C-alpha atoms as a PDB file:
ATOM      1  CA  MET A   1     171.612 -94.080  65.077  1.00  0.00           C
ATOM      2  CA  PRO A   2     168.196 -92.387  65.002  1.00  0.00           C
ATOM      3  CA  ASP A   3     168.383 -92.075  68.955  1.00  0.00           C
ATOM      4  CA  TYR A   4     171.426 -89.935  68.967  1.00  0.00           C
ATOM      5  CA  MET A   5     170.303 -87.855  66.090  1.00  0.00           C
ATOM      6  CA  PRO A   6     169.001 -85.301  68.657  1.00  0.00           C
ATOM      7  CA  ILE A   7     172.234 -84.945  70.427  1.00  0.00           C
ATOM      8  CA  LEU A   8     174.282 -84.695  67.459  1.00  0.00           C
ATOM      9  CA  ILE A   9     171.954 -81.791  66.145  1.00  0.00           C
ATOM     10  CA  LEU A  10     172.453 -80.169  69.422  1.00  0.00           C
ATOM     11  CA  MET A  11     176.099 -80.528  69.448  1.00  0.00           C
ATOM     12  CA  GLY A  12     176.278 -79.419  65.782  1.00  0.00           C
ATOM     13  CA  LEU A  13     174.189 -76.322  66.915  1.00  0.00           C
ATOM     14  CA  ALA A  14     176.350 -75.510  69.962  1.00  0.00           C
ATOM     15  CA  PHE A  15     179.538 -75.779  67.754  1.00  0.00           C
ATOM     16  CA  VAL A  16     177.937 -73.403  64.986  1.00  0.00           C
ATOM     17  CA  PHE A  17     177.046 -71.027  67.835  1.00  0.00           C
ATOM     18  CA  ALA A  18     180.289 -71.157  69.393  1.00  0.00           C
ATOM     19  CA  VAL A  19     182.001 -70.045  66.137  1.00  0.00           C
ATOM     20  CA  LEU A  20     179.602 -67.509  65.310  1.00  0.00           C
ATOM     21  CA  VAL A  21     180.050 -65.534  68.607  1.00  0.00           C
ATOM     22  CA  ILE A  22     184.042 -66.036  68.436  1.00  0.00           C
ATOM     23  CA  LEU A  23     183.720 -64.445  64.709  1.00  0.00           C
ATOM     24  CA  ALA A  24     181.133 -61.844  65.862  1.00  0.00           C
ATOM     25  CA  THR A  25     183.687 -60.666  68.782  1.00  0.00           C
ATOM     26  CA  PHE A  26     186.608 -60.410  66.137  1.00  0.00           C
ATOM     27  CA  VAL A  27     184.556 -58.563  63.383  1.00  0.00           C
ATOM     28  CA  LEU A  28     182.383 -56.145  65.697  1.00  0.00           C
ATOM     29  CA  GLY A  29     184.621 -55.667  68.660  1.00  0.00           C
ATOM     30  CA  PRO A  30     186.434 -52.492  68.973  1.00  0.00           C
ATOM     31  CA  LYS A  31     189.850 -52.090  68.055  1.00  0.00           C
ATOM     32  CA  HIS A  32     191.944 -49.347  69.802  1.00  0.00           C
ATOM     33  CA  PRO A  33     195.233 -50.719  71.025  1.00  0.00           C
ATOM     34  CA  THR A  34     197.108 -48.351  73.114  1.00  0.00           C
ATOM     35  CA  PRO A  35     200.432 -48.804  75.014  1.00  0.00           C
ATOM     36  CA  GLU A  36     198.352 -49.077  78.200  1.00  0.00           C
ATOM     37  CA  LYS A  37     195.872 -51.831  77.048  1.00  0.00           C
ATOM     38  CA  LEU A  38     198.904 -53.959  75.626  1.00  0.00           C
ATOM     39  CA  ALA A  39     200.893 -53.721  78.773  1.00  0.00           C
ATOM     40  CA  PRO A  40     200.875 -56.594  81.277  1.00  0.00           C
ATOM     41  CA  TYR A  41     198.430 -56.127  84.357  1.00  0.00           C
ATOM     42  CA  GLU A  42     200.021 -57.320  87.786  1.00  0.00           C
ATOM     43  CA  CYS A  43     197.345 -56.055  90.181  1.00  0.00           C
ATOM     44  CA  GLY A  44     197.981 -52.332  89.776  1.00  0.00           C
ATOM     45  CA  ILE A  45     201.511 -52.662  90.568  1.00  0.00           C
ATOM     46  CA  GLN A  46     204.374 -51.681  88.445  1.00  0.00           C
ATOM     47  CA  GLU A  47     206.919 -54.010  87.413  1.00  0.00           C
ATOM     48  CA  ILE A  48     209.900 -54.252  89.823  1.00  0.00           C
ATOM     49  CA  GLU A  49     211.784 -56.839  88.131  1.00  0.00           C
ATOM     50  CA  THR A  50     211.568 -58.791  84.968  1.00  0.00           C
ATOM     51  CA  SER A  51     209.338 -61.827  84.767  1.00  0.00           C
ATOM     52  CA  GLN A  52     212.267 -64.090  83.696  1.00  0.00           C
ATOM     53  CA  ARG A  53     212.721 -65.439  87.098  1.00  0.00           C
ATOM     54  CA  ARG A  54     211.552 -69.048  88.155  1.00  0.00           C
ATOM     55  CA  PHE A  55     208.364 -69.511  89.434  1.00  0.00           C
ATOM     56  CA  PRO A  56     208.174 -71.491  92.528  1.00  0.00           C
ATOM     57  CA  VAL A  57     206.334 -74.907  91.793  1.00  0.00           C
ATOM     58  CA  LYS A  58     205.008 -75.358  95.316  1.00  0.00           C
ATOM     59  CA  TYR A  59     201.718 -73.584  94.394  1.00  0.00           C
ATOM     60  CA  LEU A  60     201.046 -75.976  91.433  1.00  0.00           C
ATOM     61  CA  VAL A  61     202.052 -79.245  93.170  1.00  0.00           C
ATOM     62  CA  THR A  62     199.725 -78.152  96.295  1.00  0.00           C
ATOM     63  CA  GLY A  63     196.816 -77.746  93.718  1.00  0.00           C
ATOM     64  CA  MET A  64     197.436 -81.139  91.788  1.00  0.00           C
ATOM     65  CA  LEU A  65     197.810 -82.697  95.123  1.00  0.00           C
ATOM     66  CA  PHE A  66     194.502 -81.407  96.036  1.00  0.00           C
ATOM     67  CA  ILE A  67     192.901 -82.379  92.683  1.00  0.00           C
ATOM     68  CA  ILE A  68     194.245 -85.869  93.011  1.00  0.00           C
ATOM     69  CA  PHE A  69     193.228 -86.502  96.715  1.00  0.00           C
ATOM     70  CA  ASP A  70     189.826 -84.890  96.267  1.00  0.00           C
ATOM     71  CA  ILE A  71     188.895 -87.104  93.312  1.00  0.00           C
ATOM     72  CA  GLU A  72     190.212 -90.237  94.887  1.00  0.00           C
ATOM     73  CA  ALA A  73     188.271 -89.399  97.932  1.00  0.00           C
ATOM     74  CA  ALA A  74     185.230 -88.769  96.031  1.00  0.00           C
ATOM     75  CA  SER A  75     185.618 -92.094  94.397  1.00  0.00           C
ATOM     76  CA  ILE A  76     185.283 -93.631  97.920  1.00  0.00           C
ATOM     77  CA  ILE A  77     181.498 -92.808  98.128  1.00  0.00           C
ATOM     78  CA  PRO A  78     180.342 -95.615  95.720  1.00  0.00           C
ATOM     79  CA  LEU A  79     182.399 -98.252  97.526  1.00  0.00           C
ATOM     80  CA  THR A  80     181.074 -97.252 100.866  1.00  0.00           C
ATOM     81  CA  ILE A  81     177.314 -97.306  99.350  1.00  0.00           C
ATOM     82  CA  LEU A  82     177.859-101.190  98.028  1.00  0.00           C
ATOM     83  CA  MET A  83     180.189-102.145 101.049  1.00  0.00           C
ATOM     84  CA  ARG A  84     177.338-104.430 102.472  1.00  0.00           C
ATOM     85  CA  GLN A  85     176.651-106.005  99.210  1.00  0.00           C
ATOM     86  CA  LEU A  86     180.129-106.684  98.451  1.00  0.00           C
ATOM     87  CA  LYS A  87     181.028-108.137 102.003  1.00  0.00           C
ATOM     88  CA  MET A  88     184.445-109.524 102.377  1.00  0.00           C
ATOM     89  CA  LEU A  89     185.442-108.742  98.787  1.00  0.00           C
ATOM     90  CA  GLY A  90     184.326-105.106  99.399  1.00  0.00           C
ATOM     91  CA  PHE A  91     186.291-104.584 102.334  1.00  0.00           C
ATOM     92  CA  VAL A  92     189.423-105.816 100.606  1.00  0.00           C
ATOM     93  CA  GLU A  93     188.917-103.544  97.716  1.00  0.00           C
ATOM     94  CA  MET A  94     188.369-100.697 100.247  1.00  0.00           C
ATOM     95  CA  ALA A  95     191.574-101.474 102.471  1.00  0.00           C
ATOM     96  CA  ILE A  96     193.413-101.586  98.797  1.00  0.00           C
ATOM     97  CA  PHE A  97     191.964 -98.184  97.633  1.00  0.00           C
ATOM     98  CA  ALA A  98     192.835 -96.731 101.045  1.00  0.00           C
ATOM     99  CA  ALA A  99     196.383 -98.167 100.818  1.00  0.00           C
ATOM    100  CA  VAL A 100     196.497 -96.416  97.155  1.00  0.00           C
ATOM    101  CA  LEU A 101     195.387 -93.277  98.919  1.00  0.00           C
ATOM    102  CA  ILE A 102     197.579 -93.091 102.120  1.00  0.00           C
ATOM    103  CA  ILE A 103     201.197 -94.575 100.633  1.00  0.00           C
ATOM    104  CA  PRO A 104     201.377 -91.432  98.095  1.00  0.00           C
ATOM    105  CA  PHE A 105     199.796 -88.950 100.978  1.00  0.00           C
ATOM    106  CA  VAL A 106     202.740 -90.073 103.481  1.00  0.00           C
ATOM    107  CA  TYR A 107     205.591 -89.917 100.446  1.00  0.00           C
ATOM    108  CA  VAL A 108     204.482 -86.417  99.654  1.00  0.00           C
ATOM    109  CA  TRP A 109     204.142 -85.442 103.291  1.00  0.00           C
ATOM    110  CA  ARG A 110     207.813 -86.826 104.063  1.00  0.00           C
ATOM    111  CA  LYS A 111     209.194 -85.188 100.992  1.00  0.00           C
ATOM    112  CA  GLY A 112     208.000 -81.787 102.478  1.00  0.00           C
ATOM    113  CA  ALA A 113     205.339 -80.914  99.819  1.00  0.00           C
ATOM    114  CA  PHE A 114     203.027 -79.643 102.226  1.00  0.00           C
ATOM    115  CA  THR A 115     205.492 -77.245 104.137  1.00  0.00           C
ATOM    116  CA  TRP A 116     205.788 -73.725 103.332  1.00  0.00           C
ATOM    117  CA  GLU A 117     208.839 -71.713 103.912  1.00  0.00           C
END
């Protein structure tokens, strides 16, 4: 436990600092709400229609797919470094990992997740 004490103290100080900064902004910050400040800002363009329509999820799907495949691709690097030490077991593990990457990629490609209208 004594080895972790500096880390716990640092975490406690960081938490106290974060709380103090948030409280200071509420107490010391200016409070002059006007209709212009409270209105939603959309790149300087006035609203044409209400925001109650459905938002296309293609953007979110593309972002999630990028993150998933980026993290999985970064996970290959340690395997490639240890490939000579792992020999055939490493090759089989890399093949399984590549299949885990390729099968969902082909599936979402066939479903049309990468096409834009």
